[in-house]
N, C-alpha and C. Protein backbone atom coordinates (compact mmCIF):
# COMPACT_ATOMS: atom_id res chain seq x y z
N MET A 1 24.77 -16.02 -22.69
CA MET A 1 24.25 -14.69 -22.46
C MET A 1 22.74 -14.73 -22.19
N LYS A 2 22.01 -15.54 -22.96
CA LYS A 2 20.57 -15.66 -22.77
C LYS A 2 20.25 -16.22 -21.39
N LYS A 3 21.06 -17.19 -20.96
CA LYS A 3 20.84 -17.81 -19.66
C LYS A 3 21.04 -16.77 -18.54
N LEU A 4 22.04 -15.93 -18.71
CA LEU A 4 22.32 -14.89 -17.73
C LEU A 4 21.17 -13.88 -17.66
N LEU A 5 20.64 -13.49 -18.82
CA LEU A 5 19.51 -12.57 -18.86
C LEU A 5 18.27 -13.18 -18.24
N LEU A 6 18.03 -14.46 -18.52
CA LEU A 6 16.89 -15.15 -17.94
C LEU A 6 17.02 -15.23 -16.42
N THR A 7 18.23 -15.54 -15.96
CA THR A 7 18.48 -15.61 -14.52
C THR A 7 18.24 -14.25 -13.87
N ALA A 8 18.71 -13.19 -14.51
CA ALA A 8 18.51 -11.84 -13.98
C ALA A 8 17.03 -11.48 -13.96
N ALA A 9 16.29 -11.87 -14.98
CA ALA A 9 14.86 -11.58 -15.04
C ALA A 9 14.11 -12.31 -13.92
N VAL A 10 14.46 -13.57 -13.70
CA VAL A 10 13.81 -14.36 -12.64
C VAL A 10 14.16 -13.77 -11.27
N ALA A 11 15.42 -13.40 -11.09
CA ALA A 11 15.83 -12.80 -9.81
C ALA A 11 15.11 -11.48 -9.58
N GLY A 12 14.97 -10.68 -10.63
CA GLY A 12 14.26 -9.41 -10.51
C GLY A 12 12.79 -9.61 -10.16
N ALA A 13 12.16 -10.56 -10.83
CA ALA A 13 10.74 -10.85 -10.57
C ALA A 13 10.56 -11.37 -9.15
N THR A 14 11.47 -12.23 -8.71
CA THR A 14 11.39 -12.77 -7.36
C THR A 14 11.58 -11.67 -6.32
N GLY A 15 12.54 -10.79 -6.57
CA GLY A 15 12.77 -9.67 -5.66
C GLY A 15 11.58 -8.75 -5.58
N TYR A 16 10.96 -8.48 -6.72
CA TYR A 16 9.79 -7.61 -6.75
C TYR A 16 8.62 -8.25 -6.00
N ALA A 17 8.44 -9.55 -6.21
CA ALA A 17 7.36 -10.27 -5.51
C ALA A 17 7.58 -10.23 -4.00
N ALA A 18 8.83 -10.41 -3.57
CA ALA A 18 9.13 -10.35 -2.15
C ALA A 18 8.87 -8.95 -1.59
N TYR A 19 9.23 -7.94 -2.36
CA TYR A 19 8.98 -6.56 -1.94
C TYR A 19 7.49 -6.29 -1.80
N ARG A 20 6.69 -6.74 -2.76
CA ARG A 20 5.23 -6.53 -2.72
C ARG A 20 4.62 -7.26 -1.53
N LEU A 21 5.12 -8.47 -1.25
CA LEU A 21 4.63 -9.24 -0.11
C LEU A 21 4.96 -8.51 1.20
N PHE A 22 6.18 -8.01 1.30
CA PHE A 22 6.59 -7.24 2.48
C PHE A 22 5.71 -6.01 2.64
N GLN A 23 5.46 -5.31 1.54
CA GLN A 23 4.65 -4.10 1.57
C GLN A 23 3.21 -4.42 2.01
N ALA A 24 2.65 -5.52 1.50
CA ALA A 24 1.29 -5.92 1.88
C ALA A 24 1.23 -6.28 3.36
N ASN A 25 2.26 -6.97 3.85
CA ASN A 25 2.30 -7.35 5.26
C ASN A 25 2.41 -6.12 6.15
N GLN A 26 3.23 -5.17 5.72
CA GLN A 26 3.40 -3.94 6.49
C GLN A 26 2.09 -3.15 6.54
N THR A 27 1.38 -3.10 5.42
CA THR A 27 0.10 -2.40 5.37
C THR A 27 -0.92 -3.08 6.27
N ALA A 28 -0.93 -4.41 6.27
CA ALA A 28 -1.87 -5.15 7.12
C ALA A 28 -1.59 -4.89 8.60
N MET A 29 -0.31 -4.86 8.97
CA MET A 29 0.03 -4.58 10.37
C MET A 29 -0.37 -3.16 10.76
N GLU A 30 -0.17 -2.21 9.84
CA GLU A 30 -0.55 -0.83 10.10
C GLU A 30 -2.07 -0.71 10.27
N GLU A 31 -2.81 -1.43 9.43
CA GLU A 31 -4.26 -1.41 9.51
C GLU A 31 -4.74 -2.01 10.84
N LYS A 32 -4.12 -3.09 11.26
CA LYS A 32 -4.47 -3.73 12.53
C LYS A 32 -4.23 -2.78 13.70
N MET A 33 -3.09 -2.08 13.68
CA MET A 33 -2.76 -1.13 14.73
C MET A 33 -3.78 0.02 14.76
N LEU A 34 -4.14 0.53 13.58
CA LEU A 34 -5.11 1.63 13.52
C LEU A 34 -6.49 1.19 13.99
N ASN A 35 -6.87 -0.04 13.70
CA ASN A 35 -8.17 -0.54 14.17
C ASN A 35 -8.20 -0.64 15.70
N LYS A 36 -7.09 -1.07 16.30
CA LYS A 36 -7.01 -1.11 17.77
C LYS A 36 -7.11 0.29 18.35
N LYS A 37 -6.40 1.22 17.71
CA LYS A 37 -6.42 2.62 18.14
C LYS A 37 -7.84 3.19 18.03
N LEU A 38 -8.53 2.81 16.96
CA LEU A 38 -9.91 3.26 16.74
C LEU A 38 -10.83 2.75 17.85
N ARG A 39 -10.70 1.47 18.19
CA ARG A 39 -11.53 0.89 19.25
C ARG A 39 -11.28 1.58 20.60
N ARG A 40 -10.00 1.83 20.90
CA ARG A 40 -9.69 2.50 22.17
C ARG A 40 -10.27 3.91 22.22
N ALA A 41 -10.13 4.64 21.12
CA ALA A 41 -10.67 6.01 21.07
C ALA A 41 -12.20 5.98 21.19
N TRP A 42 -12.82 4.99 20.57
CA TRP A 42 -14.28 4.86 20.63
C TRP A 42 -14.73 4.57 22.06
N ASP A 43 -14.02 3.66 22.73
CA ASP A 43 -14.37 3.31 24.11
C ASP A 43 -14.22 4.51 25.05
N ARG A 44 -13.22 5.34 24.80
CA ARG A 44 -12.99 6.52 25.65
C ARG A 44 -13.83 7.72 25.21
N GLU A 45 -14.52 7.57 24.09
CA GLU A 45 -15.31 8.66 23.50
C GLU A 45 -14.44 9.90 23.26
N ASP A 46 -13.23 9.65 22.78
CA ASP A 46 -12.28 10.72 22.45
C ASP A 46 -12.48 11.07 20.97
N PHE A 47 -13.34 12.05 20.73
CA PHE A 47 -13.74 12.34 19.36
C PHE A 47 -12.63 12.97 18.53
N GLU A 48 -11.73 13.69 19.17
CA GLU A 48 -10.59 14.24 18.43
C GLU A 48 -9.70 13.12 17.91
N GLU A 49 -9.40 12.17 18.78
CA GLU A 49 -8.57 11.04 18.36
C GLU A 49 -9.30 10.19 17.32
N LEU A 50 -10.61 10.03 17.50
CA LEU A 50 -11.39 9.29 16.50
C LEU A 50 -11.25 9.92 15.12
N GLN A 51 -11.33 11.23 15.08
CA GLN A 51 -11.20 11.93 13.81
C GLN A 51 -9.82 11.70 13.20
N GLU A 52 -8.78 11.75 14.03
CA GLU A 52 -7.42 11.52 13.54
C GLU A 52 -7.25 10.10 13.00
N VAL A 53 -7.79 9.13 13.74
CA VAL A 53 -7.65 7.73 13.33
C VAL A 53 -8.41 7.47 12.04
N VAL A 54 -9.60 8.03 11.92
CA VAL A 54 -10.37 7.86 10.69
C VAL A 54 -9.61 8.46 9.51
N GLN A 55 -8.96 9.60 9.72
CA GLN A 55 -8.16 10.21 8.65
C GLN A 55 -6.99 9.29 8.27
N GLU A 56 -6.33 8.72 9.27
CA GLU A 56 -5.22 7.81 9.01
C GLU A 56 -5.69 6.56 8.26
N LEU A 57 -6.86 6.04 8.65
CA LEU A 57 -7.41 4.87 7.96
C LEU A 57 -7.77 5.21 6.51
N SER A 58 -8.28 6.40 6.29
CA SER A 58 -8.60 6.83 4.93
C SER A 58 -7.33 6.91 4.09
N THR A 59 -6.28 7.47 4.67
CA THR A 59 -5.00 7.56 3.97
C THR A 59 -4.46 6.16 3.66
N LEU A 60 -4.62 5.25 4.60
CA LEU A 60 -4.17 3.88 4.39
C LEU A 60 -4.95 3.21 3.27
N GLU A 61 -6.24 3.45 3.20
CA GLU A 61 -7.06 2.88 2.12
C GLU A 61 -6.60 3.39 0.76
N VAL A 62 -6.29 4.67 0.69
CA VAL A 62 -5.79 5.24 -0.57
C VAL A 62 -4.46 4.59 -0.93
N LYS A 63 -3.61 4.40 0.08
CA LYS A 63 -2.31 3.76 -0.13
C LYS A 63 -2.49 2.33 -0.66
N LYS A 64 -3.46 1.60 -0.09
CA LYS A 64 -3.73 0.23 -0.54
C LYS A 64 -4.22 0.22 -1.99
N LEU A 65 -5.10 1.16 -2.33
CA LEU A 65 -5.59 1.24 -3.71
C LEU A 65 -4.46 1.56 -4.68
N MET A 66 -3.58 2.46 -4.28
CA MET A 66 -2.43 2.82 -5.14
C MET A 66 -1.53 1.60 -5.35
N ASN A 67 -1.34 0.80 -4.29
CA ASN A 67 -0.53 -0.41 -4.41
C ASN A 67 -1.17 -1.42 -5.35
N GLU A 68 -2.50 -1.54 -5.28
CA GLU A 68 -3.20 -2.45 -6.18
C GLU A 68 -3.07 -2.00 -7.63
N LEU A 69 -3.16 -0.70 -7.84
CA LEU A 69 -3.03 -0.17 -9.20
C LEU A 69 -1.61 -0.35 -9.73
N ALA A 70 -0.63 -0.36 -8.82
CA ALA A 70 0.76 -0.54 -9.24
C ALA A 70 1.01 -1.95 -9.77
N ASP A 71 0.19 -2.89 -9.33
CA ASP A 71 0.36 -4.28 -9.81
C ASP A 71 -0.16 -4.35 -11.17
């Protein structure tokens, strides 16, 4: 019984670590996409889009901080 519980605990920890890694990778890809979008808006001097992208980046930063606090 102890062996089964230990196995379940290790599997749970491994699954959680994989989930956190996936989440971090997804956040990094989203940040990269937003940075590209920011550069394009800056080059076109599209201030409305710049404002939207800055808001999205701010939301992403809050999301990253929340993820760090969850650890």
